[in-house]
Amino acid sequence: MAKDRAFIGLGACPPDRDLATAPMNHSPQAAYDDAVLPDAAALLAELAVRRLATA
């Protein structure tokens, strides 16, 4: 049985940091803007709804 796979990148770099020089995700100095969480939740919910609609 084939498994569907996807990767989605959603930026969460705080607005006061320069994306070009900000530490990478796995760095101890990495910082994230929690304001992206509602958008991330909405995106994942929409993907789930679309997937369930095709099941």
Protein backbone atom coordinates (compact mmCIF):
# COMPACT_ATOMS: atom_id res chain seq x y z
CA MET A 1 0.00 0.00 0.00
CA ALA A 2 1.45 3.36 -1.03
CA LYS A 3 1.70 6.08 1.60
CA ASP A 4 1.07 9.72 0.81
CA ARG A 5 3.85 12.01 1.98
CA ALA A 6 4.34 15.75 2.05
CA PHE A 7 6.62 18.35 3.56
CA ILE A 8 5.45 21.88 4.21
CA GLY A 9 7.70 24.67 5.38
CA LEU A 10 5.99 27.50 7.23
CA GLY A 11 8.22 30.39 8.22
CA ALA A 12 8.25 31.40 11.87
CA CYS A 13 11.19 33.77 12.04
CA PRO A 14 10.37 36.66 14.40
CA PRO A 15 9.86 39.95 12.54
CA ASP A 16 12.69 41.61 14.48
CA ARG A 17 15.26 39.13 13.13
CA ASP A 18 16.87 39.10 9.70
CA LEU A 19 15.92 35.83 8.01
CA ALA A 20 19.25 35.80 6.16
CA THR A 21 21.29 35.82 9.38
CA ALA A 22 18.90 34.22 11.87
CA PRO A 23 20.13 30.96 13.47
CA MET A 24 18.93 27.74 11.82
CA ASN A 25 15.98 25.80 13.28
CA HIS A 26 18.04 23.34 15.31
CA SER A 27 20.37 25.96 16.79
CA PRO A 28 20.08 26.67 20.53
CA GLN A 29 19.83 30.35 19.54
CA ALA A 30 16.87 29.80 17.21
CA ALA A 31 13.76 31.84 17.99
CA TYR A 32 10.24 31.40 16.69
CA ASP A 33 7.31 33.76 16.28
CA ASP A 34 4.31 32.12 17.94
CA ALA A 35 2.01 34.36 15.88
CA VAL A 36 2.35 31.79 13.08
CA LEU A 37 0.57 29.08 15.13
CA PRO A 38 -3.01 30.01 14.12
CA ASP A 39 -2.01 29.97 10.45
CA ALA A 40 -0.26 26.62 10.91
CA ALA A 41 -3.31 25.14 12.64
CA ALA A 42 -5.61 26.42 9.89
CA LEU A 43 -3.32 24.99 7.21
CA LEU A 44 -3.19 21.56 8.82
CA ALA A 45 -6.95 21.54 9.40
CA GLU A 46 -7.61 22.43 5.75
CA LEU A 47 -5.28 19.70 4.56
CA ALA A 48 -7.07 17.20 6.79
CA VAL A 49 -10.49 18.27 5.50
CA ARG A 50 -9.36 17.96 1.88
CA ARG A 51 -7.83 14.53 2.51
CA LEU A 52 -10.94 13.26 4.27
CA ALA A 53 -13.09 14.55 1.41
CA THR A 54 -11.24 12.24 -0.98
CA ALA A 55 -11.36 9.15 1.27
